[in-house]
PDB file of N, CA and C in Angstrom:
ATOM      1  N   MET A   1       1.085  -1.153   0.001  1.00  0.00           N
ATOM      2  CA  MET A   1       0.418   0.210  -0.016  1.00  0.00           C
ATOM      3  C   MET A   1       1.420   1.512   0.270  1.00  0.00           C
ATOM      4  N   PRO A   2       0.378   2.193  -0.574  1.00  0.00           N
ATOM      5  CA  PRO A   2       1.245   3.846  -0.273  1.00  0.00           C
ATOM      6  C   PRO A   2       1.351   3.981   0.746  1.00  0.00           C
ATOM      7  N   ARG A   3       2.125   4.551   0.864  1.00  0.00           N
ATOM      8  CA  ARG A   3       3.086   5.322   2.118  1.00  0.00           C
ATOM      9  C   ARG A   3       1.887   6.284   3.335  1.00  0.00           C
ATOM     10  N   GLY A   4       1.373   5.696   3.968  1.00  0.00           N
ATOM     11  CA  GLY A   4       0.787   6.494   4.946  1.00  0.00           C
ATOM     12  C   GLY A   4      -0.582   6.708   4.809  1.00  0.00           C
ATOM     13  N   LEU A   5      -0.938   5.492   4.050  1.00  0.00           N
ATOM     14  CA  LEU A   5      -2.351   5.502   3.640  1.00  0.00           C
ATOM     15  C   LEU A   5      -2.784   3.997   4.435  1.00  0.00           C
ATOM     16  N   LYS A   6      -2.586   3.612   5.252  1.00  0.00           N
ATOM     17  CA  LYS A   6      -3.127   2.410   5.962  1.00  0.00           C
ATOM     18  C   LYS A   6      -2.733   2.430   7.276  1.00  0.00           C
ATOM     19  N   PRO A   7      -4.711   1.839   7.893  1.00  0.00           N
ATOM     20  CA  PRO A   7      -5.672   2.125   6.815  1.00  0.00           C
ATOM     21  C   PRO A   7      -6.103   3.260   6.845  1.00  0.00           C
ATOM     22  N   LEU A   8      -7.166   3.325   5.637  1.00  0.00           N
ATOM     23  CA  LEU A   8      -7.591   4.342   5.584  1.00  0.00           C
ATOM     24  C   LEU A   8      -8.869   4.779   6.775  1.00  0.00           C
ATOM     25  N   GLY A   9      -9.047   5.903   6.853  1.00  0.00           N
ATOM     26  CA  GLY A   9     -10.565   6.772   7.598  1.00  0.00           C
ATOM     27  C   GLY A   9     -10.878   6.590   7.070  1.00  0.00           C
ATOM     28  N   ASP A  10     -12.743   6.839   7.403  1.00  0.00           N
ATOM     29  CA  ASP A  10     -13.930   6.473   6.633  1.00  0.00           C
ATOM     30  C   ASP A  10     -13.801   7.788   5.739  1.00  0.00           C
ATOM     31  N   VAL A  11     -13.009   9.272   5.921  1.00  0.00           N
ATOM     32  CA  VAL A  11     -13.734  10.520   4.770  1.00  0.00           C
ATOM     33  C   VAL A  11     -12.957   9.577   3.387  1.00  0.00           C
ATOM     34  N   ASP A  12     -11.644   9.136   3.320  1.00  0.00           N
ATOM     35  CA  ASP A  12     -10.504   8.777   2.422  1.00  0.00           C
ATOM     36  C   ASP A  12     -11.437   8.191   1.629  1.00  0.00           C
ATOM     37  N   ALA A  13     -11.603   6.338   2.353  1.00  0.00           N
ATOM     38  CA  ALA A  13     -12.399   5.454   1.704  1.00  0.00           C
ATOM     39  C   ALA A  13     -13.442   5.549   1.127  1.00  0.00           C
ATOM     40  N   SER A  14     -14.310   7.023   1.521  1.00  0.00           N
ATOM     41  CA  SER A  14     -15.452   7.015   1.054  1.00  0.00           C
ATOM     42  C   SER A  14     -15.070   7.632  -0.341  1.00  0.00           C
ATOM     43  N   ILE A  15     -14.517   8.544  -0.439  1.00  0.00           N
ATOM     44  CA  ILE A  15     -13.834   9.395  -1.177  1.00  0.00           C
ATOM     45  C   ILE A  15     -13.244   8.634  -2.560  1.00  0.00           C
ATOM     46  N   MET A  16     -12.583   7.641  -2.012  1.00  0.00           N
ATOM     47  CA  MET A  16     -12.104   6.413  -2.892  1.00  0.00           C
ATOM     48  C   MET A  16     -13.339   5.845  -3.538  1.00  0.00           C
ATOM     49  N   ALA A  17     -14.134   5.355  -2.406  1.00  0.00           N
ATOM     50  CA  ALA A  17     -14.714   4.011  -3.258  1.00  0.00           C
ATOM     51  C   ALA A  17     -15.583   5.073  -4.186  1.00  0.00           C
ATOM     52  N   VAL A  18     -16.324   6.561  -4.222  1.00  0.00           N
ATOM     53  CA  VAL A  18     -17.047   6.848  -5.208  1.00  0.00           C
ATOM     54  C   VAL A  18     -16.297   6.643  -6.231  1.00  0.00           C
ATOM     55  N   LEU A  19     -14.928   7.212  -6.197  1.00  0.00           N
ATOM     56  CA  LEU A  19     -14.239   7.270  -7.399  1.00  0.00           C
ATOM     57  C   LEU A  19     -14.000   6.028  -8.013  1.00  0.00           C
ATOM     58  N   ALA A  20     -14.245   4.780  -7.575  1.00  0.00           N
ATOM     59  CA  ALA A  20     -14.197   3.460  -8.136  1.00  0.00           C
ATOM     60  C   ALA A  20     -15.106   3.636  -9.656  1.00  0.00           C
ATOM     61  N   SER A  21     -16.085   4.470  -9.282  1.00  0.00           N
ATOM     62  CA  SER A  21     -17.029   4.416 -10.457  1.00  0.00           C
ATOM     63  C   SER A  21     -16.630   4.609 -11.576  1.00  0.00           C
ATOM     64  N   GLY A  22     -15.770   5.761 -11.484  1.00  0.00           N
ATOM     65  CA  GLY A  22     -15.398   6.951 -12.722  1.00  0.00           C
ATOM     66  C   GLY A  22     -15.195   7.965 -12.148  1.00  0.00           C
ATOM     67  N   ASP A  23     -14.388   9.058 -12.881  1.00  0.00           N
ATOM     68  CA  ASP A  23     -14.213  10.504 -12.705  1.00  0.00           C
ATOM     69  C   ASP A  23     -15.208  11.893 -11.739  1.00  0.00           C
ATOM     70  N   LEU A  24     -15.047  12.272 -10.887  1.00  0.00           N
ATOM     71  CA  LEU A  24     -15.427  12.901 -10.704  1.00  0.00           C
ATOM     72  C   LEU A  24     -15.220  14.845  -9.459  1.00  0.00           C
ATOM     73  N   HIS A  25     -15.834  15.407  -9.964  1.00  0.00           N
ATOM     74  CA  HIS A  25     -15.370  16.707  -9.876  1.00  0.00           C
ATOM     75  C   HIS A  25     -15.904  16.932  -7.761  1.00  0.00           C
ATOM     76  N   GLY A  26     -15.106  18.087  -7.677  1.00  0.00           N
ATOM     77  CA  GLY A  26     -15.590  18.350  -5.956  1.00  0.00           C
ATOM     78  C   GLY A  26     -17.000  17.871  -5.478  1.00  0.00           C
ATOM     79  N   TYR A  27     -17.916  19.051  -6.207  1.00  0.00           N
ATOM     80  CA  TYR A  27     -19.275  18.788  -6.012  1.00  0.00           C
ATOM     81  C   TYR A  27     -19.717  17.520  -5.453  1.00  0.00           C
ATOM     82  N   ALA A  28     -19.593  16.955  -6.913  1.00  0.00           N
ATOM     83  CA  ALA A  28     -20.505  15.327  -7.077  1.00  0.00           C
ATOM     84  C   ALA A  28     -19.454  14.358  -6.377  1.00  0.00           C
ATOM     85  N   ILE A  29     -18.360  14.570  -5.987  1.00  0.00           N
ATOM     86  CA  ILE A  29     -17.677  14.219  -4.900  1.00  0.00           C
ATOM     87  C   ILE A  29     -18.575  13.785  -3.650  1.00  0.00           C
ATOM     88  N   LEU A  30     -18.693  15.228  -3.384  1.00  0.00           N
ATOM     89  CA  LEU A  30     -19.776  15.225  -1.810  1.00  0.00           C
ATOM     90  C   LEU A  30     -20.822  14.756  -2.231  1.00  0.00           C
ATOM     91  N   ALA A  31     -21.862  14.781  -3.026  1.00  0.00           N
ATOM     92  CA  ALA A  31     -22.991  14.420  -3.202  1.00  0.00           C
ATOM     93  C   ALA A  31     -23.189  12.806  -2.961  1.00  0.00           C
ATOM     94  N   GLU A  32     -22.222  12.174  -3.876  1.00  0.00           N
ATOM     95  CA  GLU A  32     -21.861  10.578  -4.140  1.00  0.00           C
ATOM     96  C   GLU A  32     -21.519  10.187  -2.954  1.00  0.00           C
ATOM     97  N   VAL A  33     -20.470  11.086  -2.050  1.00  0.00           N
ATOM     98  CA  VAL A  33     -20.507   9.884  -0.375  1.00  0.00           C
ATOM     99  C   VAL A  33     -21.947  10.377   0.156  1.00  0.00           C
ATOM    100  N   ARG A  34     -22.361  11.370   0.193  1.00  0.00           N
ATOM    101  CA  ARG A  34     -23.555  11.241   1.067  1.00  0.00           C
ATOM    102  C   ARG A  34     -24.338  10.654   0.481  1.00  0.00           C
ATOM    103  N   LYS A  35     -24.954  10.090  -0.444  1.00  0.00           N
ATOM    104  CA  LYS A  35     -25.752   9.059  -1.231  1.00  0.00           C
ATOM    105  C   LYS A  35     -24.641   7.844  -1.149  1.00  0.00           C
ATOM    106  N   LEU A  36     -24.133   7.290  -0.887  1.00  0.00           N
ATOM    107  CA  LEU A  36     -23.427   6.782  -0.747  1.00  0.00           C
ATOM    108  C   LEU A  36     -23.621   5.855   0.926  1.00  0.00           C
ATOM    109  N   SER A  37     -24.043   6.585   1.641  1.00  0.00           N
ATOM    110  CA  SER A  37     -23.819   6.487   3.017  1.00  0.00           C
ATOM    111  C   SER A  37     -25.161   6.889   3.230  1.00  0.00           C
ATOM    112  N   GLY A  38     -26.084   7.115   3.016  1.00  0.00           N
ATOM    113  CA  GLY A  38     -27.146   7.246   3.343  1.00  0.00           C
ATOM    114  C   GLY A  38     -27.851   8.428   4.156  1.00  0.00           C
ATOM    115  N   GLY A  39     -26.574   9.089   3.378  1.00  0.00           N
ATOM    116  CA  GLY A  39     -26.926  10.675   4.370  1.00  0.00           C
ATOM    117  C   GLY A  39     -26.405  11.030   5.527  1.00  0.00           C
ATOM    118  N   ALA A  40     -25.296   9.581   6.107  1.00  0.00           N
ATOM    119  CA  ALA A  40     -24.948  10.078   7.087  1.00  0.00           C
ATOM    120  C   ALA A  40     -23.564  10.584   6.805  1.00  0.00           C
ATOM    121  N   VAL A  41     -23.103  10.560   6.276  1.00  0.00           N
ATOM    122  CA  VAL A  41     -21.951  11.488   5.586  1.00  0.00           C
ATOM    123  C   VAL A  41     -22.168  12.772   5.253  1.00  0.00           C
ATOM    124  N   ARG A  42     -21.988  13.609   5.800  1.00  0.00           N
ATOM    125  CA  ARG A  42     -22.002  15.032   4.641  1.00  0.00           C
ATOM    126  C   ARG A  42     -20.685  15.791   4.575  1.00  0.00           C
ATOM    127  N   LEU A  43     -19.493  15.424   4.190  1.00  0.00           N
ATOM    128  CA  LEU A  43     -18.348  16.282   3.885  1.00  0.00           C
ATOM    129  C   LEU A  43     -18.436  17.495   4.015  1.00  0.00           C
ATOM    130  N   GLY A  44     -17.456  18.418   4.437  1.00  0.00           N
ATOM    131  CA  GLY A  44     -17.303  19.517   4.332  1.00  0.00           C
ATOM    132  C   GLY A  44     -17.037  19.642   3.107  1.00  0.00           C
ATOM    133  N   THR A  45     -16.364  20.837   2.527  1.00  0.00           N
ATOM    134  CA  THR A  45     -15.382  21.478   1.341  1.00  0.00           C
ATOM    135  C   THR A  45     -14.285  21.226   1.467  1.00  0.00           C
ATOM    136  N   GLY A  46     -13.848  21.936   2.992  1.00  0.00           N
ATOM    137  CA  GLY A  46     -12.672  22.092   3.707  1.00  0.00           C
ATOM    138  C   GLY A  46     -12.035  20.617   3.711  1.00  0.00           C
ATOM    139  N   THR A  47     -13.089  19.524   4.118  1.00  0.00           N
ATOM    140  CA  THR A  47     -12.190  18.397   4.828  1.00  0.00           C
ATOM    141  C   THR A  47     -12.613  17.131   3.734  1.00  0.00           C
ATOM    142  N   MET A  48     -13.485  17.570   2.539  1.00  0.00           N
ATOM    143  CA  MET A  48     -13.002  16.508   1.285  1.00  0.00           C
ATOM    144  C   MET A  48     -11.821  16.971   0.590  1.00  0.00           C
ATOM    145  N   TYR A  49     -11.827  18.789   0.545  1.00  0.00           N
ATOM    146  CA  TYR A  49     -10.249  19.360  -0.652  1.00  0.00           C
ATOM    147  C   TYR A  49      -8.871  19.150   0.227  1.00  0.00           C
ATOM    148  N   GLY A  50      -8.818  18.546   1.690  1.00  0.00           N
ATOM    149  CA  GLY A  50      -7.748  18.430   2.059  1.00  0.00           C
ATOM    150  C   GLY A  50      -7.312  16.475   1.882  1.00  0.00           C
ATOM    151  N   ALA A  51      -8.899  16.175   2.194  1.00  0.00           N
ATOM    152  CA  ALA A  51      -8.487  14.385   1.877  1.00  0.00           C
ATOM    153  C   ALA A  51      -8.059  14.354   0.679  1.00  0.00           C
ATOM    154  N   LEU A  52      -8.232  15.483  -0.398  1.00  0.00           N
ATOM    155  CA  LEU A  52      -8.223  14.468  -1.892  1.00  0.00           C
ATOM    156  C   LEU A  52      -6.529  15.219  -2.138  1.00  0.00           C
ATOM    157  N   GLU A  53      -6.343  16.442  -1.384  1.00  0.00           N
ATOM    158  CA  GLU A  53      -4.818  16.706  -1.534  1.00  0.00           C
ATOM    159  C   GLU A  53      -3.898  15.444  -0.520  1.00  0.00           C
ATOM    160  N   ARG A  54      -4.394  14.985   0.333  1.00  0.00           N
ATOM    161  CA  ARG A  54      -3.881  13.945   1.209  1.00  0.00           C
ATOM    162  C   ARG A  54      -4.058  12.188  -0.001  1.00  0.00           C
ATOM    163  N   LEU A  55      -4.994  12.430   0.056  1.00  0.00           N
ATOM    164  CA  LEU A  55      -4.752  11.178  -1.742  1.00  0.00           C
ATOM    165  C   LEU A  55      -3.641  11.446  -2.763  1.00  0.00           C
ATOM    166  N   GLN A  56      -3.907  12.370  -3.102  1.00  0.00           N
ATOM    167  CA  GLN A  56      -3.212  12.633  -4.499  1.00  0.00           C
ATOM    168  C   GLN A  56      -1.563  12.890  -4.053  1.00  0.00           C
ATOM    169  N   ASP A  57      -1.671  13.236  -2.753  1.00  0.00           N
ATOM    170  CA  ASP A  57       0.393  13.162  -2.729  1.00  0.00           C
ATOM    171  C   ASP A  57       0.589  11.907  -2.182  1.00  0.00           C
ATOM    172  N   GLY A  58      -0.249  11.188  -1.960  1.00  0.00           N
ATOM    173  CA  GLY A  58      -0.589   9.070  -1.972  1.00  0.00           C
ATOM    174  C   GLY A  58       0.076   8.580  -2.852  1.00  0.00           C
ATOM    175  N   GLY A  59      -0.561   9.163  -4.086  1.00  0.00           N
ATOM    176  CA  GLY A  59      -0.736   8.686  -5.352  1.00  0.00           C
ATOM    177  C   GLY A  59      -1.494   7.470  -5.350  1.00  0.00           C
ATOM    178  N   VAL A  60      -2.798   7.869  -4.885  1.00  0.00           N
ATOM    179  CA  VAL A  60      -4.239   6.597  -4.521  1.00  0.00           C
ATOM    180  C   VAL A  60      -5.052   7.476  -5.770  1.00  0.00           C
ATOM    181  N   VAL A  61      -4.855   9.016  -5.853  1.00  0.00           N
ATOM    182  CA  VAL A  61      -6.276   9.733  -6.640  1.00  0.00           C
ATOM    183  C   VAL A  61      -5.066  11.285  -7.529  1.00  0.00           C
ATOM    184  N   VAL A  62      -5.523  10.956  -8.699  1.00  0.00           N
ATOM    185  CA  VAL A  62      -4.738  11.712  -9.297  1.00  0.00           C
ATOM    186  C   VAL A  62      -6.012  12.890 -10.339  1.00  0.00           C
ATOM    187  N   ALA A  63      -5.531  14.683 -10.187  1.00  0.00           N
ATOM    188  CA  ALA A  63      -6.794  15.101 -10.950  1.00  0.00           C
ATOM    189  C   ALA A  63      -6.234  14.648 -12.637  1.00  0.00           C
ATOM    190  N   VAL A  64      -7.360  14.598 -13.304  1.00  0.00           N
ATOM    191  CA  VAL A  64      -7.064  14.426 -14.323  1.00  0.00           C
ATOM    192  C   VAL A  64      -7.581  15.216 -15.464  1.00  0.00           C
ATOM    193  N   ALA A  65      -8.715  16.857 -14.902  1.00  0.00           N
ATOM    194  CA  ALA A  65      -8.879  17.537 -16.118  1.00  0.00           C
ATOM    195  C   ALA A  65      -9.783  18.666 -14.916  1.00  0.00           C
ATOM    196  N   GLU A  66      -9.740  20.092 -15.974  1.00  0.00           N
ATOM    197  CA  GLU A  66     -10.283  20.279 -15.119  1.00  0.00           C
ATOM    198  C   GLU A  66     -11.758  21.834 -16.452  1.00  0.00           C
ATOM    199  N   GLU A  67     -12.351  21.962 -15.700  1.00  0.00           N
ATOM    200  CA  GLU A  67     -13.517  22.861 -16.770  1.00  0.00           C
ATOM    201  C   GLU A  67     -13.756  24.035 -16.156  1.00  0.00           C
ATOM    202  N   VAL A  68     -14.270  24.907 -17.019  1.00  0.00           N
ATOM    203  CA  VAL A  68     -14.778  26.329 -16.321  1.00  0.00           C
ATOM    204  C   VAL A  68     -16.571  26.272 -16.447  1.00  0.00           C
ATOM    205  N   VAL A  69     -17.084  26.043 -15.578  1.00  0.00           N
ATOM    206  CA  VAL A  69     -18.903  26.265 -15.426  1.00  0.00           C
ATOM    207  C   VAL A  69     -19.233  27.399 -14.302  1.00  0.00           C
ATOM    208  N   ASN A  70     -19.975  28.214 -15.302  1.00  0.00           N
ATOM    209  CA  ASN A  70     -20.799  28.970 -14.780  1.00  0.00           C
ATOM    210  C   ASN A  70     -19.219  29.883 -13.593  1.00  0.00           C
ATOM    211  N   GLY A  71     -18.495  30.082 -14.234  1.00  0.00           N
ATOM    212  CA  GLY A  71     -17.047  31.001 -14.171  1.00  0.00           C
ATOM    213  C   GLY A  71     -16.093  30.318 -12.944  1.00  0.00           C
ATOM    214  N   ARG A  72     -16.743  29.310 -12.755  1.00  0.00           N
ATOM    215  CA  ARG A  72     -15.699  28.735 -11.645  1.00  0.00           C
ATOM    216  C   ARG A  72     -15.212  27.036 -12.267  1.00  0.00           C
ATOM    217  N   THR A  73     -13.932  27.178 -11.832  1.00  0.00           N
ATOM    218  CA  THR A  73     -13.014  26.021 -12.133  1.00  0.00           C
ATOM    219  C   THR A  73     -13.983  24.414 -11.547  1.00  0.00           C
ATOM    220  N   ARG A  74     -13.829  23.993 -12.158  1.00  0.00           N
ATOM    221  CA  ARG A  74     -14.131  22.405 -11.394  1.00  0.00           C
ATOM    222  C   ARG A  74     -12.901  21.311 -12.056  1.00  0.00           C
ATOM    223  N   ARG A  75     -12.313  20.827 -11.261  1.00  0.00           N
ATOM    224  CA  ARG A  75     -11.298  19.743 -11.742  1.00  0.00           C
ATOM    225  C   ARG A  75     -11.883  18.650 -11.184  1.00  0.00           C
ATOM    226  N   TYR A  76     -11.644  17.286 -12.018  1.00  0.00           N
ATOM    227  CA  TYR A  76     -12.268  16.272 -11.716  1.00  0.00           C
ATOM    228  C   TYR A  76     -10.818  15.178 -11.131  1.00  0.00           C
ATOM    229  N   TYR A  77     -11.063  14.459 -10.637  1.00  0.00           N
ATOM    230  CA  TYR A  77     -10.490  13.257  -9.770  1.00  0.00           C
ATOM    231  C   TYR A  77     -10.493  12.207 -10.353  1.00  0.00           C
ATOM    232  N   ARG A  78      -9.717  11.541 -10.390  1.00  0.00           N
ATOM    233  CA  ARG A  78      -9.891   9.930 -10.954  1.00  0.00           C
ATOM    234  C   ARG A  78      -9.150   8.955  -9.655  1.00  0.00           C
ATOM    235  N   LEU A  79      -9.671   7.690  -9.694  1.00  0.00           N
ATOM    236  CA  LEU A  79      -8.625   7.480  -8.944  1.00  0.00           C
ATOM    237  C   LEU A  79      -7.708   6.123  -9.547  1.00  0.00           C
ATOM    238  N   THR A  80      -6.402   6.382  -8.871  1.00  0.00           N
ATOM    239  CA  THR A  80      -4.693   5.189  -9.664  1.00  0.00           C
ATOM    240  C   THR A  80      -5.440   4.499  -9.805  1.00  0.00           C
ATOM    241  N   ALA A  81      -4.609   3.130 -10.504  1.00  0.00           N
ATOM    242  CA  ALA A  81      -4.430   1.702 -10.015  1.00  0.00           C
ATOM    243  C   ALA A  81      -3.884   1.313  -8.573  1.00  0.00           C
ATOM    244  N   SER A  82      -3.105   2.489  -7.890  1.00  0.00           N
ATOM    245  CA  SER A  82      -2.725   2.026  -6.435  1.00  0.00           C
ATOM    246  C   SER A  82      -3.587   2.205  -5.865  1.00  0.00           C
ATOM    247  N   GLY A  83      -4.241   3.129  -5.944  1.00  0.00           N
ATOM    248  CA  GLY A  83      -5.361   3.409  -5.491  1.00  0.00           C
ATOM    249  C   GLY A  83      -6.771   2.332  -5.409  1.00  0.00           C
ATOM    250  N   ARG A  84      -6.523   1.797  -6.440  1.00  0.00           N
ATOM    251  CA  ARG A  84      -7.775   0.880  -6.685  1.00  0.00           C
ATOM    252  C   ARG A  84      -7.613  -0.577  -5.679  1.00  0.00           C
ATOM    253  N   ALA A  85      -6.141  -0.880  -6.182  1.00  0.00           N
ATOM    254  CA  ALA A  85      -5.101  -1.844  -5.054  1.00  0.00           C
ATOM    255  C   ALA A  85      -5.322  -1.501  -3.707  1.00  0.00           C
ATOM    256  N   THR A  86      -5.052   0.017  -3.446  1.00  0.00           N
ATOM    257  CA  THR A  86      -5.511   0.668  -1.777  1.00  0.00           C
ATOM    258  C   THR A  86      -6.886   0.258  -1.601  1.00  0.00           C
ATOM    259  N   LEU A  87      -7.759   0.644  -2.013  1.00  0.00           N
ATOM    260  CA  LEU A  87      -8.895   0.279  -1.665  1.00  0.00           C
ATOM    261  C   LEU A  87      -9.425  -0.889  -1.758  1.00  0.00           C
ATOM    262  N   ILE A  88      -9.048  -2.043  -2.573  1.00  0.00           N
ATOM    263  CA  ILE A  88      -9.768  -3.498  -2.357  1.00  0.00           C
ATOM    264  C   ILE A  88      -8.905  -4.039  -0.904  1.00  0.00           C
ATOM    265  N   ALA A  89      -7.879  -3.463  -0.749  1.00  0.00           N
ATOM    266  CA  ALA A  89      -6.592  -3.796   0.420  1.00  0.00           C
ATOM    267  C   ALA A  89      -7.724  -3.190   1.562  1.00  0.00           C
ATOM    268  N   GLU A  90      -7.940  -2.053   1.491  1.00  0.00           N
ATOM    269  CA  GLU A  90      -8.631  -1.525   3.147  1.00  0.00           C
ATOM    270  C   GLU A  90     -10.433  -2.194   2.576  1.00  0.00           C
ATOM    271  N   LEU A  91     -10.767  -2.569   2.132  1.00  0.00           N
ATOM    272  CA  LEU A  91     -12.329  -3.442   2.125  1.00  0.00           C
ATOM    273  C   LEU A  91     -11.846  -4.757   2.822  1.00  0.00           C
ATOM    274  N   GLU A  92     -10.831  -5.569   2.180  1.00  0.00           N
ATOM    275  CA  GLU A  92     -10.631  -6.682   3.009  1.00  0.00           C
ATOM    276  C   GLU A  92      -9.912  -6.688   4.508  1.00  0.00           C
ATOM    277  N   ARG A  93      -9.434  -5.482   4.669  1.00  0.00           N
ATOM    278  CA  ARG A  93      -8.961  -5.206   6.137  1.00  0.00           C
ATOM    279  C   ARG A  93     -10.382  -5.041   6.632  1.00  0.00           C
ATOM    280  N   ARG A  94     -11.207  -4.532   6.385  1.00  0.00           N
ATOM    281  CA  ARG A  94     -12.131  -3.727   6.993  1.00  0.00           C
ATOM    282  C   ARG A  94     -13.756  -5.261   7.532  1.00  0.00           C
ATOM    283  N   GLN A  95     -12.984  -6.247   6.130  1.00  0.00           N
ATOM    284  CA  GLN A  95     -14.083  -7.220   6.232  1.00  0.00           C
ATOM    285  C   GLN A  95     -13.726  -8.276   6.936  1.00  0.00           C
ATOM    286  N   GLN A  96     -12.219  -8.314   7.449  1.00  0.00           N
ATOM    287  CA  GLN A  96     -11.779  -8.707   8.214  1.00  0.00           C
ATOM    288  C   GLN A  96     -12.392  -8.692   9.979  1.00  0.00           C
ATOM    289  N   LEU A  97     -12.563  -7.648   9.945  1.00  0.00           N
ATOM    290  CA  LEU A  97     -12.479  -7.020  10.946  1.00  0.00           C
ATOM    291  C   LEU A  97     -14.330  -6.833  12.042  1.00  0.00           C
ATOM    292  N   LEU A  98     -15.026  -6.817  10.476  1.00  0.00           N
ATOM    293  CA  LEU A  98     -16.779  -6.919  10.484  1.00  0.00           C
ATOM    294  C   LEU A  98     -16.905  -8.725  11.000  1.00  0.00           C
ATOM    295  N   ASN A  99     -15.894  -9.425  10.395  1.00  0.00           N
ATOM    296  CA  ASN A  99     -16.009 -10.407  10.630  1.00  0.00           C
ATOM    297  C   ASN A  99     -15.561 -11.767  12.136  1.00  0.00           C
ATOM    298  N   ALA A 100     -14.458 -11.107  12.230  1.00  0.00           N
ATOM    299  CA  ALA A 100     -13.864 -11.330  13.568  1.00  0.00           C
ATOM    300  C   ALA A 100     -14.889 -10.648  14.664  1.00  0.00           C
ATOM    301  N   ALA A 101     -15.043  -9.649  14.351  1.00  0.00           N
ATOM    302  CA  ALA A 101     -16.869  -9.126  15.525  1.00  0.00           C
ATOM    303  C   ALA A 101     -18.068  -9.742  15.633  1.00  0.00           C
ATOM    304  N   ARG A 102     -18.264 -10.341  14.483  1.00  0.00           N
ATOM    305  CA  ARG A 102     -19.511 -10.665  14.356  1.00  0.00           C
ATOM    306  C   ARG A 102     -19.244 -12.589  14.894  1.00  0.00           C
ATOM    307  N   SER A 103     -18.035 -12.879  15.215  1.00  0.00           N
ATOM    308  CA  SER A 103     -17.884 -14.349  15.372  1.00  0.00           C
ATOM    309  C   SER A 103     -17.995 -14.181  16.783  1.00  0.00           C
ATOM    310  N   ARG A 104     -17.438 -13.176  17.506  1.00  0.00           N
ATOM    311  CA  ARG A 104     -17.323 -12.405  19.248  1.00  0.00           C
ATOM    312  C   ARG A 104     -18.654 -12.585  19.722  1.00  0.00           C
ATOM    313  N   LEU A 105     -19.177 -11.834  18.653  1.00  0.00           N
ATOM    314  CA  LEU A 105     -21.051 -11.346  19.467  1.00  0.00           C
ATOM    315  C   LEU A 105     -21.263 -13.260  19.376  1.00  0.00           C
ATOM    316  N   ALA A 106     -21.266 -13.772  18.404  1.00  0.00           N
ATOM    317  CA  ALA A 106     -21.997 -15.064  18.406  1.00  0.00           C
ATOM    318  C   ALA A 106     -21.339 -15.894  19.367  1.00  0.00           C
ATOM    319  N   ALA A 107     -19.898 -15.565  19.752  1.00  0.00           N
ATOM    320  CA  ALA A 107     -19.613 -16.547  21.152  1.00  0.00           C
ATOM    321  C   ALA A 107     -20.108 -16.122  22.334  1.00  0.00           C
ATOM    322  N   ALA A 108     -20.315 -14.902  22.058  1.00  0.00           N
ATOM    323  CA  ALA A 108     -20.705 -14.597  23.535  1.00  0.00           C
ATOM    324  C   ALA A 108     -22.360 -14.573  23.907  1.00  0.00           C
ATOM    325  N   THR A 109     -22.731 -15.634  22.968  1.00  0.00           N
ATOM    326  CA  THR A 109     -24.184 -15.283  23.296  1.00  0.00           C
ATOM    327  C   THR A 109     -24.479 -16.694  23.825  1.00  0.00           C
TER     328      THR A 109
END
């Protein structure tokens, strides 16, 4: 896994998860994370852009395009091959944790 990205926090994992389906600009990322979480996670723009910068520094996300819409620049982001591998590893790590927790709960009842 790329440096400093294991384990992923919920914000980073959520952003990477929505980028797994294709390139998105910042506000679309915010909306998709909200949808993905069933409305439970509402990222602020500062939190999201800080996470995107961290993810870019880690080599798991890259900015791929810009366009101007209504006088504002939209930057599009993409999950890299390394990012895809990192996300898969994180999902497997979380699944192992969930499985262990379920086993302990079942054993305790």
